[in-house]
Amino acid sequence: MKRNRIRSQDDLETQILAEAVFRPTEMKRFEESGLFDIKADIAAIQDMILWQTCSRSGYRARYGCAKHHSVEVHFIEAGKFTFQAADERIDAVAKTAVLLKDTRKVEIIASPDSTKLAISIPFDHVAPHLNRAHGSAGRGLSAFQSNIGPDVTGIDIIHRIAAHLLHGFAPTGASADTTGPTALVHDALIMMFVSLWPRIETSPDGRSGLPRHLERAIDWLDHHADQDISVEQLARRSGASIRTLQNSFRHHLSTTPNAYILQMRLSRVHDELQNGPTDETIEKIASRWGFGHMGYFASRYRELYGKTPSDTRRERIDVL
């Protein structure tokens, strides 16, 4: 685990320090002139980043990277914040929590005397815990509420664990432990977030609130994931243009059509390895779901599930 602390009364200095930990960042004063003050504690556990910022002056920040796909949770401890991520604007006050589902382009305005604690989790770490039996990790994340109040059961536990991870473990310079208590809490924190964060209520007719053309695309993929599918073909099946479909996948599911198809196929293989016959080879199962190159398949599988296909099969056999 790595930890850093920054304190600055200069916005450019803060910007440089922030970029050393995060992505390209633009920091500005809350007002055009006057005091600029910000203090931050930052820690990294594996690929998850936690940070707490306190600012007497308030600030404006922009950051993001088109290739960096992560989920951020912000616990507002004092003051007021305005978040703009993708096409969603969220206003938040003390004792509330905010979920940013797409952090490739984020703008934050923090009022004077503001404090928040935040967690940034790579989307690939969250995806395996999201309804993976049907390959709908993207749809599961889109169902999460973006802004919640202090009365939601269990969210305070996530906040306290995050604060403990940020302030309570090994000092700077200690060696990272990928199997010890810190890593275990890291995994538990992600699973708690996925299980406890409130979902958006569905409409009276049971619809999820996704655009109808996106629902058609997902439903069609559910029944044809084993076929050779192009984005052009999927767009025709959905009744939308390619551009419209791509924009809908990004806005509502925080992914692309091709990435969604890949994740769906991997989840089908994962499900068969966990629940199917143990005498069928991994190569045959992967091939049935469209994977012709075993090296590529194994690499993508490990990225998503944190283990090899053989490990998944071995765990199943050990249980039996």
C-alpha atoms as a PDB file:
ATOM      1  CA  MET A   1       0.000   0.000   0.000  1.00  0.00           C
ATOM      2  CA  LYS A   2       1.334   3.438  -0.944  1.00  0.00           C
ATOM      3  CA  ARG A   3       0.322   6.645   0.805  1.00  0.00           C
ATOM      4  CA  ASN A   4       1.032  10.318   0.040  1.00  0.00           C
ATOM      5  CA  ARG A   5      -0.024  13.562   1.675  1.00  0.00           C
ATOM      6  CA  ILE A   6      -0.128  16.910  -0.117  1.00  0.00           C
ATOM      7  CA  ARG A   7      -0.920  20.369   1.140  1.00  0.00           C
ATOM      8  CA  SER A   8      -0.767  23.388  -1.086  1.00  0.00           C
ATOM      9  CA  GLN A   9      -1.763  27.022  -1.273  1.00  0.00           C
ATOM     10  CA  ASP A  10      -0.915  27.161  -4.958  1.00  0.00           C
ATOM     11  CA  ASP A  11      -3.278  25.696  -7.542  1.00  0.00           C
ATOM     12  CA  LEU A  12      -0.539  24.883 -10.065  1.00  0.00           C
ATOM     13  CA  GLU A  13       1.484  23.027  -7.449  1.00  0.00           C
ATOM     14  CA  THR A  14      -1.611  21.060  -6.455  1.00  0.00           C
ATOM     15  CA  GLN A  15      -2.301  20.242 -10.096  1.00  0.00           C
ATOM     16  CA  ILE A  16       1.212  18.840 -10.560  1.00  0.00           C
ATOM     17  CA  LEU A  17       0.939  16.755  -7.387  1.00  0.00           C
ATOM     18  CA  ALA A  18      -2.495  15.455  -8.348  1.00  0.00           C
ATOM     19  CA  GLU A  19      -1.333  14.423 -11.812  1.00  0.00           C
ATOM     20  CA  ALA A  20       1.414  12.339 -10.223  1.00  0.00           C
ATOM     21  CA  VAL A  21      -1.294  10.143  -8.710  1.00  0.00           C
ATOM     22  CA  PHE A  22      -4.311  10.494 -10.997  1.00  0.00           C
ATOM     23  CA  ARG A  23      -4.760  11.408 -14.658  1.00  0.00           C
ATOM     24  CA  PRO A  24      -4.188  14.739 -16.426  1.00  0.00           C
ATOM     25  CA  THR A  25      -5.795  17.262 -14.082  1.00  0.00           C
ATOM     26  CA  GLU A  26      -6.730  20.930 -14.241  1.00  0.00           C
ATOM     27  CA  MET A  27      -7.084  22.691 -10.869  1.00  0.00           C
ATOM     28  CA  LYS A  28      -8.460  26.199 -10.369  1.00  0.00           C
ATOM     29  CA  ARG A  29      -9.485  28.408  -7.476  1.00  0.00           C
ATOM     30  CA  PHE A  30     -13.146  28.473  -6.529  1.00  0.00           C
ATOM     31  CA  GLU A  31     -13.009  32.234  -7.064  1.00  0.00           C
ATOM     32  CA  GLU A  32     -10.902  34.055  -9.635  1.00  0.00           C
ATOM     33  CA  SER A  33      -8.531  35.368  -6.998  1.00  0.00           C
ATOM     34  CA  GLY A  34      -7.790  35.117  -3.316  1.00  0.00           C
ATOM     35  CA  LEU A  35      -6.834  32.231  -1.058  1.00  0.00           C
ATOM     36  CA  PHE A  36      -6.225  28.790  -2.488  1.00  0.00           C
ATOM     37  CA  ASP A  37      -5.903  26.011   0.043  1.00  0.00           C
ATOM     38  CA  ILE A  38      -6.228  22.269  -0.294  1.00  0.00           C
ATOM     39  CA  LYS A  39      -5.020  19.311   1.753  1.00  0.00           C
ATOM     40  CA  ALA A  40      -5.196  15.730   0.543  1.00  0.00           C
ATOM     41  CA  ASP A  41      -4.336  12.287   1.849  1.00  0.00           C
ATOM     42  CA  ILE A  42      -3.918   9.763  -0.959  1.00  0.00           C
ATOM     43  CA  ALA A  43      -3.409   6.003  -0.817  1.00  0.00           C
ATOM     44  CA  ALA A  44      -3.226   3.231  -3.417  1.00  0.00           C
ATOM     45  CA  ILE A  45      -4.094  -0.411  -2.783  1.00  0.00           C
ATOM     46  CA  GLN A  46      -3.364  -2.544  -5.836  1.00  0.00           C
ATOM     47  CA  ASP A  47      -5.184  -0.545  -8.551  1.00  0.00           C
ATOM     48  CA  MET A  48      -7.705   1.105  -6.223  1.00  0.00           C
ATOM     49  CA  ILE A  49      -7.058   4.715  -5.159  1.00  0.00           C
ATOM     50  CA  LEU A  50      -8.478   6.368  -2.062  1.00  0.00           C
ATOM     51  CA  TRP A  51      -8.157  10.047  -1.237  1.00  0.00           C
ATOM     52  CA  GLN A  52      -9.560  12.626   1.137  1.00  0.00           C
ATOM     53  CA  THR A  53      -9.509  16.318   0.254  1.00  0.00           C
ATOM     54  CA  CYS A  54     -10.124  19.250   2.590  1.00  0.00           C
ATOM     55  CA  SER A  55     -10.233  22.792   1.257  1.00  0.00           C
ATOM     56  CA  ARG A  56     -10.872  26.074   3.071  1.00  0.00           C
ATOM     57  CA  SER A  57     -10.965  28.011  -0.192  1.00  0.00           C
ATOM     58  CA  GLY A  58     -12.906  25.618  -2.416  1.00  0.00           C
ATOM     59  CA  TYR A  59     -11.697  24.616  -5.864  1.00  0.00           C
ATOM     60  CA  ARG A  60     -12.616  23.575  -9.395  1.00  0.00           C
ATOM     61  CA  ALA A  61     -11.095  20.449 -10.923  1.00  0.00           C
ATOM     62  CA  ARG A  62     -11.218  18.725 -14.290  1.00  0.00           C
ATOM     63  CA  TYR A  63      -9.697  15.347 -14.996  1.00  0.00           C
ATOM     64  CA  GLY A  64     -10.169  12.219 -17.049  1.00  0.00           C
ATOM     65  CA  CYS A  65      -8.696   9.983 -19.682  1.00  0.00           C
ATOM     66  CA  ALA A  66     -10.537   8.364 -22.597  1.00  0.00           C
ATOM     67  CA  LYS A  67      -8.661   5.095 -22.023  1.00  0.00           C
ATOM     68  CA  HIS A  68      -9.085   5.041 -18.240  1.00  0.00           C
ATOM     69  CA  HIS A  69     -12.396   3.434 -17.230  1.00  0.00           C
ATOM     70  CA  SER A  70     -13.073   3.481 -13.528  1.00  0.00           C
ATOM     71  CA  VAL A  71     -15.887   3.902 -11.035  1.00  0.00           C
ATOM     72  CA  GLU A  72     -15.664   6.588  -8.344  1.00  0.00           C
ATOM     73  CA  VAL A  73     -17.554   6.847  -5.055  1.00  0.00           C
ATOM     74  CA  HIS A  74     -17.435  10.207  -3.232  1.00  0.00           C
ATOM     75  CA  PHE A  75     -18.540  10.533   0.396  1.00  0.00           C
ATOM     76  CA  ILE A  76     -19.346  14.202   1.112  1.00  0.00           C
ATOM     77  CA  GLU A  77     -18.246  14.997   4.653  1.00  0.00           C
ATOM     78  CA  ALA A  78     -18.617  18.801   4.647  1.00  0.00           C
ATOM     79  CA  GLY A  79     -19.582  21.583   2.250  1.00  0.00           C
ATOM     80  CA  LYS A  80     -21.237  21.317  -1.153  1.00  0.00           C
ATOM     81  CA  PHE A  81     -20.034  19.687  -4.374  1.00  0.00           C
ATOM     82  CA  THR A  82     -21.196  19.712  -7.972  1.00  0.00           C
ATOM     83  CA  PHE A  83     -20.099  16.816 -10.190  1.00  0.00           C
ATOM     84  CA  GLN A  84     -20.347  16.586 -13.968  1.00  0.00           C
ATOM     85  CA  ALA A  85     -19.482  13.168 -15.411  1.00  0.00           C
ATOM     86  CA  ALA A  86     -20.480  12.090 -18.909  1.00  0.00           C
ATOM     87  CA  ASP A  87     -23.885  13.771 -19.398  1.00  0.00           C
ATOM     88  CA  GLU A  88     -24.901  13.651 -15.737  1.00  0.00           C
ATOM     89  CA  ARG A  89     -24.799  16.564 -13.286  1.00  0.00           C
ATOM     90  CA  ILE A  90     -24.986  15.779  -9.577  1.00  0.00           C
ATOM     91  CA  ASP A  91     -25.299  18.297  -6.736  1.00  0.00           C
ATOM     92  CA  ALA A  92     -24.328  16.877  -3.350  1.00  0.00           C
ATOM     93  CA  VAL A  93     -24.209  18.104   0.241  1.00  0.00           C
ATOM     94  CA  ALA A  94     -22.732  16.829   3.493  1.00  0.00           C
ATOM     95  CA  LYS A  95     -23.611  13.292   4.605  1.00  0.00           C
ATOM     96  CA  THR A  96     -24.549  12.176   1.107  1.00  0.00           C
ATOM     97  CA  ALA A  97     -22.632   9.939  -1.302  1.00  0.00           C
ATOM     98  CA  VAL A  98     -22.149  10.197  -5.057  1.00  0.00           C
ATOM     99  CA  LEU A  99     -21.420   7.489  -7.619  1.00  0.00           C
ATOM    100  CA  LEU A 100     -19.672   8.472 -10.856  1.00  0.00           C
ATOM    101  CA  LYS A 101     -20.183   5.616 -13.318  1.00  0.00           C
ATOM    102  CA  ASP A 102     -18.063   7.072 -16.127  1.00  0.00           C
ATOM    103  CA  THR A 103     -14.947   8.997 -15.093  1.00  0.00           C
ATOM    104  CA  ARG A 104     -13.346   9.496 -18.467  1.00  0.00           C
ATOM    105  CA  LYS A 105     -14.296  13.190 -18.255  1.00  0.00           C
ATOM    106  CA  VAL A 106     -15.095  14.662 -14.841  1.00  0.00           C
ATOM    107  CA  GLU A 107     -15.601  18.195 -13.568  1.00  0.00           C
ATOM    108  CA  ILE A 108     -15.920  18.971  -9.860  1.00  0.00           C
ATOM    109  CA  ILE A 109     -16.744  22.234  -8.091  1.00  0.00           C
ATOM    110  CA  ALA A 110     -16.080  22.173  -4.340  1.00  0.00           C
ATOM    111  CA  SER A 111     -17.399  24.956  -2.103  1.00  0.00           C
ATOM    112  CA  PRO A 112     -15.233  26.638   0.546  1.00  0.00           C
ATOM    113  CA  ASP A 113     -14.804  24.604   3.740  1.00  0.00           C
ATOM    114  CA  SER A 114     -15.468  21.355   1.932  1.00  0.00           C
ATOM    115  CA  THR A 115     -14.265  17.834   2.670  1.00  0.00           C
ATOM    116  CA  LYS A 116     -14.858  14.550   0.906  1.00  0.00           C
ATOM    117  CA  LEU A 117     -13.428  11.045   0.867  1.00  0.00           C
ATOM    118  CA  ALA A 118     -13.345   9.242  -2.464  1.00  0.00           C
ATOM    119  CA  ILE A 119     -12.593   5.820  -3.909  1.00  0.00           C
ATOM    120  CA  SER A 120     -11.576   5.111  -7.496  1.00  0.00           C
ATOM    121  CA  ILE A 121     -11.979   1.481  -8.608  1.00  0.00           C
ATOM    122  CA  PRO A 122     -11.069   0.175 -12.086  1.00  0.00           C
ATOM    123  CA  PHE A 123     -14.243  -0.977 -13.796  1.00  0.00           C
ATOM    124  CA  ASP A 124     -12.663  -4.368 -14.484  1.00  0.00           C
ATOM    125  CA  HIS A 125     -12.497  -4.936 -10.712  1.00  0.00           C
ATOM    126  CA  VAL A 126     -16.199  -4.188 -10.291  1.00  0.00           C
ATOM    127  CA  ALA A 127     -17.478  -6.066 -13.337  1.00  0.00           C
ATOM    128  CA  PRO A 128     -17.060  -9.652 -12.009  1.00  0.00           C
ATOM    129  CA  HIS A 129     -19.391  -8.861  -9.103  1.00  0.00           C
ATOM    130  CA  LEU A 130     -22.166  -7.391 -11.273  1.00  0.00           C
ATOM    131  CA  ASN A 131     -24.784  -9.887 -12.391  1.00  0.00           C
ATOM    132  CA  ARG A 132     -22.165 -11.796 -14.368  1.00  0.00           C
ATOM    133  CA  ALA A 133     -24.335 -14.877 -14.843  1.00  0.00           C
ATOM    134  CA  HIS A 134     -25.945 -13.141 -17.828  1.00  0.00           C
ATOM    135  CA  GLY A 135     -23.036 -10.993 -18.828  1.00  0.00           C
ATOM    136  CA  SER A 136     -24.828  -7.762 -17.952  1.00  0.00           C
ATOM    137  CA  ALA A 137     -22.250  -5.979 -15.813  1.00  0.00           C
ATOM    138  CA  GLY A 138     -22.790  -2.759 -17.729  1.00  0.00           C
ATOM    139  CA  ARG A 139     -26.556  -2.858 -17.227  1.00  0.00           C
ATOM    140  CA  GLY A 140     -26.067  -3.608 -13.537  1.00  0.00           C
ATOM    141  CA  LEU A 141     -23.941  -0.490 -13.029  1.00  0.00           C
ATOM    142  CA  SER A 142     -26.378   1.713 -14.921  1.00  0.00           C
ATOM    143  CA  ALA A 143     -29.072   0.620 -12.448  1.00  0.00           C
ATOM    144  CA  PHE A 144     -27.174   2.121  -9.490  1.00  0.00           C
ATOM    145  CA  GLN A 145     -28.383   5.439  -8.073  1.00  0.00           C
ATOM    146  CA  SER A 146     -26.009   8.356  -8.636  1.00  0.00           C
ATOM    147  CA  ASN A 147     -26.702  10.266  -5.424  1.00  0.00           C
ATOM    148  CA  ILE A 148     -27.864   8.797  -2.109  1.00  0.00           C
ATOM    149  CA  GLY A 149     -28.671  10.215   1.308  1.00  0.00           C
ATOM    150  CA  PRO A 150     -27.395   9.343   4.787  1.00  0.00           C
ATOM    151  CA  ASP A 151     -30.237   6.936   5.604  1.00  0.00           C
ATOM    152  CA  VAL A 152     -29.183   4.099   3.271  1.00  0.00           C
ATOM    153  CA  THR A 153     -28.322   1.017   5.321  1.00  0.00           C
ATOM    154  CA  GLY A 154     -24.723  -0.113   5.044  1.00  0.00           C
ATOM    155  CA  ILE A 155     -23.267   2.801   3.070  1.00  0.00           C
ATOM    156  CA  ASP A 156     -21.726   4.240   6.243  1.00  0.00           C
ATOM    157  CA  ILE A 157     -19.854   0.941   6.621  1.00  0.00           C
ATOM    158  CA  ILE A 158     -18.248   1.403   3.213  1.00  0.00           C
ATOM    159  CA  HIS A 159     -17.316   4.952   4.221  1.00  0.00           C
ATOM    160  CA  ARG A 160     -15.692   3.771   7.453  1.00  0.00           C
ATOM    161  CA  ILE A 161     -13.767   0.972   5.748  1.00  0.00           C
ATOM    162  CA  ALA A 162     -12.479   3.410   3.128  1.00  0.00           C
ATOM    163  CA  ALA A 163     -11.375   5.824   5.858  1.00  0.00           C
ATOM    164  CA  HIS A 164      -9.634   2.986   7.695  1.00  0.00           C
ATOM    165  CA  LEU A 165      -7.857   1.915   4.529  1.00  0.00           C
ATOM    166  CA  LEU A 166      -6.723   5.478   3.915  1.00  0.00           C
ATOM    167  CA  HIS A 167      -5.517   6.271   7.413  1.00  0.00           C
ATOM    168  CA  GLY A 168      -5.176   3.046   9.379  1.00  0.00           C
ATOM    169  CA  PHE A 169      -2.833   0.621   7.633  1.00  0.00           C
ATOM    170  CA  ALA A 170       0.892   0.308   7.000  1.00  0.00           C
ATOM    171  CA  PRO A 171       2.957   3.519   6.741  1.00  0.00           C
ATOM    172  CA  THR A 172       4.412   4.825   3.515  1.00  0.00           C
ATOM    173  CA  GLY A 173       7.143   2.582   2.178  1.00  0.00           C
ATOM    174  CA  ALA A 174       5.744  -0.679   3.506  1.00  0.00           C
ATOM    175  CA  SER A 175       5.754  -3.479   1.001  1.00  0.00           C
ATOM    176  CA  ALA A 176       2.501  -4.183  -0.823  1.00  0.00           C
ATOM    177  CA  ASP A 177       0.749  -7.388   0.216  1.00  0.00           C
ATOM    178  CA  THR A 178      -1.582  -8.827  -2.404  1.00  0.00           C
ATOM    179  CA  THR A 179      -2.887 -11.626  -0.183  1.00  0.00           C
ATOM    180  CA  GLY A 180      -2.876 -10.120   3.319  1.00  0.00           C
ATOM    181  CA  PRO A 181      -5.475  -8.134   5.276  1.00  0.00           C
ATOM    182  CA  THR A 182      -5.213  -5.020   3.101  1.00  0.00           C
ATOM    183  CA  ALA A 183      -5.991  -6.962  -0.084  1.00  0.00           C
ATOM    184  CA  LEU A 184      -8.828  -8.825   1.609  1.00  0.00           C
ATOM    185  CA  VAL A 185     -10.428  -5.576   2.746  1.00  0.00           C
ATOM    186  CA  HIS A 186      -9.917  -4.225  -0.771  1.00  0.00           C
ATOM    187  CA  ASP A 187     -11.989  -7.097  -2.182  1.00  0.00           C
ATOM    188  CA  ALA A 188     -14.584  -6.868   0.585  1.00  0.00           C
ATOM    189  CA  LEU A 189     -15.028  -3.149  -0.030  1.00  0.00           C
ATOM    190  CA  ILE A 190     -15.804  -3.706  -3.724  1.00  0.00           C
ATOM    191  CA  MET A 191     -18.258  -6.528  -2.981  1.00  0.00           C
ATOM    192  CA  MET A 192     -19.993  -4.423  -0.320  1.00  0.00           C
ATOM    193  CA  PHE A 193     -20.325  -1.531  -2.761  1.00  0.00           C
ATOM    194  CA  VAL A 194     -21.887  -3.781  -5.400  1.00  0.00           C
ATOM    195  CA  SER A 195     -24.292  -5.431  -2.964  1.00  0.00           C
ATOM    196  CA  LEU A 196     -25.276  -2.429  -0.834  1.00  0.00           C
ATOM    197  CA  TRP A 197     -25.419   0.504  -3.243  1.00  0.00           C
ATOM    198  CA  PRO A 198     -29.095   1.280  -4.007  1.00  0.00           C
ATOM    199  CA  ARG A 199     -30.454   0.595  -7.473  1.00  0.00           C
ATOM    200  CA  ILE A 200     -32.744   2.849  -9.460  1.00  0.00           C
ATOM    201  CA  GLU A 201     -36.324   1.669  -9.197  1.00  0.00           C
ATOM    202  CA  THR A 202     -37.733   0.173 -12.362  1.00  0.00           C
ATOM    203  CA  SER A 203     -40.797   1.649 -14.013  1.00  0.00           C
ATOM    204  CA  PRO A 204     -44.278   0.203 -13.251  1.00  0.00           C
ATOM    205  CA  ASP A 205     -44.146  -1.985 -16.366  1.00  0.00           C
ATOM    206  CA  GLY A 206     -40.861  -3.549 -15.210  1.00  0.00           C
ATOM    207  CA  ARG A 207     -38.699  -1.744 -17.785  1.00  0.00           C
ATOM    208  CA  SER A 208     -35.184  -0.815 -16.694  1.00  0.00           C
ATOM    209  CA  GLY A 209     -35.303   2.723 -18.073  1.00  0.00           C
ATOM    210  CA  LEU A 210     -32.807   1.971 -20.853  1.00  0.00           C
ATOM    211  CA  PRO A 211     -33.658   3.197 -24.369  1.00  0.00           C
ATOM    212  CA  ARG A 212     -35.768   0.683 -26.231  1.00  0.00           C
ATOM    213  CA  HIS A 213     -33.166   0.182 -28.966  1.00  0.00           C
ATOM    214  CA  LEU A 214     -30.547  -0.619 -26.307  1.00  0.00           C
ATOM    215  CA  GLU A 215     -32.904  -3.089 -24.625  1.00  0.00           C
ATOM    216  CA  ARG A 216     -33.425  -4.780 -28.009  1.00  0.00           C
ATOM    217  CA  ALA A 217     -29.664  -4.994 -28.560  1.00  0.00           C
ATOM    218  CA  ILE A 218     -29.047  -6.514 -25.109  1.00  0.00           C
ATOM    219  CA  ASP A 219     -31.914  -8.968 -25.429  1.00  0.00           C
ATOM    220  CA  TRP A 220     -30.689 -10.079 -28.850  1.00  0.00           C
ATOM    221  CA  LEU A 221     -27.142 -10.524 -27.531  1.00  0.00           C
ATOM    222  CA  ASP A 222     -28.457 -12.651 -24.652  1.00  0.00           C
ATOM    223  CA  HIS A 223     -29.627 -15.226 -27.213  1.00  0.00           C
ATOM    224  CA  HIS A 224     -26.846 -14.923 -29.813  1.00  0.00           C
ATOM    225  CA  ALA A 225     -23.650 -14.440 -27.802  1.00  0.00           C
ATOM    226  CA  ASP A 226     -22.147 -17.562 -29.363  1.00  0.00           C
ATOM    227  CA  GLN A 227     -22.394 -16.146 -32.888  1.00  0.00           C
ATOM    228  CA  ASP A 228     -20.003 -13.961 -34.858  1.00  0.00           C
ATOM    229  CA  ILE A 229     -21.496 -10.526 -34.177  1.00  0.00           C
ATOM    230  CA  SER A 230     -20.537  -7.192 -35.689  1.00  0.00           C
ATOM    231  CA  VAL A 231     -21.539  -3.758 -34.451  1.00  0.00           C
ATOM    232  CA  GLU A 232     -23.242  -3.160 -37.796  1.00  0.00           C
ATOM    233  CA  GLN A 233     -25.360  -6.290 -37.365  1.00  0.00           C
ATOM    234  CA  LEU A 234     -26.202  -5.378 -33.771  1.00  0.00           C
ATOM    235  CA  ALA A 235     -27.264  -1.880 -34.846  1.00  0.00           C
ATOM    236  CA  ARG A 236     -29.636  -3.348 -37.449  1.00  0.00           C
ATOM    237  CA  ARG A 237     -31.157  -5.684 -34.868  1.00  0.00           C
ATOM    238  CA  SER A 238     -31.645  -2.801 -32.431  1.00  0.00           C
ATOM    239  CA  GLY A 239     -33.265  -0.496 -34.965  1.00  0.00           C
ATOM    240  CA  ALA A 240     -30.733   2.289 -34.372  1.00  0.00           C
ATOM    241  CA  SER A 241     -27.769   3.703 -36.255  1.00  0.00           C
ATOM    242  CA  ILE A 242     -24.279   2.518 -35.357  1.00  0.00           C
ATOM    243  CA  ARG A 243     -23.415   5.898 -33.843  1.00  0.00           C
ATOM    244  CA  THR A 244     -26.621   6.017 -31.782  1.00  0.00           C
ATOM    245  CA  LEU A 245     -26.029   2.491 -30.494  1.00  0.00           C
ATOM    246  CA  GLN A 246     -22.399   3.204 -29.605  1.00  0.00           C
ATOM    247  CA  ASN A 247     -23.381   6.395 -27.773  1.00  0.00           C
ATOM    248  CA  SER A 248     -26.115   4.522 -25.872  1.00  0.00           C
ATOM    249  CA  PHE A 249     -23.724   1.791 -24.763  1.00  0.00           C
ATOM    250  CA  ARG A 250     -21.267   4.386 -23.497  1.00  0.00           C
ATOM    251  CA  HIS A 251     -23.827   6.646 -21.807  1.00  0.00           C
ATOM    252  CA  HIS A 252     -26.022   3.989 -20.197  1.00  0.00           C
ATOM    253  CA  LEU A 253     -23.668   1.031 -19.757  1.00  0.00           C
ATOM    254  CA  SER A 254     -20.265   2.771 -19.507  1.00  0.00           C
ATOM    255  CA  THR A 255     -18.799   0.492 -22.159  1.00  0.00           C
ATOM    256  CA  THR A 256     -18.708  -0.170 -25.914  1.00  0.00           C
ATOM    257  CA  PRO A 257     -20.700  -2.766 -27.878  1.00  0.00           C
ATOM    258  CA  ASN A 258     -17.585  -4.849 -28.567  1.00  0.00           C
ATOM    259  CA  ALA A 259     -16.445  -4.729 -24.943  1.00  0.00           C
ATOM    260  CA  TYR A 260     -19.948  -5.708 -23.809  1.00  0.00           C
ATOM    261  CA  ILE A 261     -19.991  -8.677 -26.204  1.00  0.00           C
ATOM    262  CA  LEU A 262     -16.560  -9.776 -24.984  1.00  0.00           C
ATOM    263  CA  GLN A 263     -17.620  -9.575 -21.352  1.00  0.00           C
ATOM    264  CA  MET A 264     -20.836 -11.456 -22.074  1.00  0.00           C
ATOM    265  CA  ARG A 265     -18.932 -14.288 -23.738  1.00  0.00           C
ATOM    266  CA  LEU A 266     -16.398 -14.467 -20.930  1.00  0.00           C
ATOM    267  CA  SER A 267     -19.222 -14.630 -18.386  1.00  0.00           C
ATOM    268  CA  ARG A 268     -20.826 -17.533 -20.271  1.00  0.00           C
ATOM    269  CA  VAL A 269     -17.542 -19.442 -20.207  1.00  0.00           C
ATOM    270  CA  HIS A 270     -17.117 -18.609 -16.532  1.00  0.00           C
ATOM    271  CA  ASP A 271     -20.620 -19.881 -15.780  1.00  0.00           C
ATOM    272  CA  GLU A 272     -19.994 -23.170 -17.595  1.00  0.00           C
ATOM    273  CA  LEU A 273     -16.685 -23.679 -15.789  1.00  0.00           C
ATOM    274  CA  GLN A 274     -18.449 -23.179 -12.472  1.00  0.00           C
ATOM    275  CA  ASN A 275     -21.636 -25.113 -13.188  1.00  0.00           C
ATOM    276  CA  GLY A 276     -21.191 -27.272 -16.298  1.00  0.00           C
ATOM    277  CA  PRO A 277     -19.734 -30.751 -16.820  1.00  0.00           C
ATOM    278  CA  THR A 278     -16.146 -31.087 -15.652  1.00  0.00           C
ATOM    279  CA  ASP A 279     -15.156 -33.545 -18.387  1.00  0.00           C
ATOM    280  CA  GLU A 280     -15.410 -30.979 -21.200  1.00  0.00           C
ATOM    281  CA  THR A 281     -12.155 -29.216 -22.037  1.00  0.00           C
ATOM    282  CA  ILE A 282     -11.714 -25.503 -21.410  1.00  0.00           C
ATOM    283  CA  GLU A 283     -10.687 -25.079 -25.055  1.00  0.00           C
ATOM    284  CA  LYS A 284     -13.964 -26.581 -26.262  1.00  0.00           C
ATOM    285  CA  ILE A 285     -16.051 -24.376 -23.964  1.00  0.00           C
ATOM    286  CA  ALA A 286     -14.167 -21.240 -25.020  1.00  0.00           C
ATOM    287  CA  SER A 287     -14.501 -22.152 -28.678  1.00  0.00           C
ATOM    288  CA  ARG A 288     -18.254 -22.600 -28.308  1.00  0.00           C
ATOM    289  CA  TRP A 289     -18.475 -18.983 -27.131  1.00  0.00           C
ATOM    290  CA  GLY A 290     -16.459 -17.560 -29.991  1.00  0.00           C
ATOM    291  CA  PHE A 291     -12.880 -17.680 -28.720  1.00  0.00           C
ATOM    292  CA  GLY A 292     -10.560 -19.104 -31.356  1.00  0.00           C
ATOM    293  CA  HIS A 293      -7.259 -17.982 -29.825  1.00  0.00           C
ATOM    294  CA  MET A 294      -6.691 -19.531 -26.400  1.00  0.00           C
ATOM    295  CA  GLY A 295      -3.931 -17.120 -25.413  1.00  0.00           C
ATOM    296  CA  TYR A 296      -6.166 -14.114 -26.005  1.00  0.00           C
ATOM    297  CA  PHE A 297      -9.077 -15.810 -24.238  1.00  0.00           C
ATOM    298  CA  ALA A 298      -7.001 -16.706 -21.167  1.00  0.00           C
ATOM    299  CA  SER A 299      -5.578 -13.187 -20.927  1.00  0.00           C
ATOM    300  CA  ARG A 300      -9.001 -11.488 -21.126  1.00  0.00           C
ATOM    301  CA  TYR A 301     -10.498 -14.013 -18.687  1.00  0.00           C
ATOM    302  CA  ARG A 302      -7.798 -13.341 -16.111  1.00  0.00           C
ATOM    303  CA  GLU A 303      -8.236  -9.570 -16.477  1.00  0.00           C
ATOM    304  CA  LEU A 304     -11.947  -9.881 -15.715  1.00  0.00           C
ATOM    305  CA  TYR A 305     -11.964 -12.557 -13.012  1.00  0.00           C
ATOM    306  CA  GLY A 306      -8.514 -12.233 -11.464  1.00  0.00           C
ATOM    307  CA  LYS A 307      -7.730 -15.915 -12.049  1.00  0.00           C
ATOM    308  CA  THR A 308      -7.083 -18.285 -14.941  1.00  0.00           C
ATOM    309  CA  PRO A 309      -9.778 -20.504 -16.462  1.00  0.00           C
ATOM    310  CA  SER A 310      -7.859 -23.483 -15.079  1.00  0.00           C
ATOM    311  CA  ASP A 311      -8.054 -21.996 -11.583  1.00  0.00           C
ATOM    312  CA  THR A 312     -11.838 -21.688 -11.920  1.00  0.00           C
ATOM    313  CA  ARG A 313     -12.118 -25.310 -13.077  1.00  0.00           C
ATOM    314  CA  ARG A 314      -9.809 -26.489 -10.296  1.00  0.00           C
ATOM    315  CA  GLU A 315     -11.881 -24.704  -7.643  1.00  0.00           C
ATOM    316  CA  ARG A 316     -14.998 -26.418  -8.974  1.00  0.00           C
ATOM    317  CA  ILE A 317     -13.362 -29.851  -8.835  1.00  0.00           C
ATOM    318  CA  ASP A 318     -12.065 -29.214  -5.293  1.00  0.00           C
ATOM    319  CA  VAL A 319     -15.618 -28.469  -4.133  1.00  0.00           C
ATOM    320  CA  LEU A 320     -16.927 -31.648  -5.752  1.00  0.00           C
END
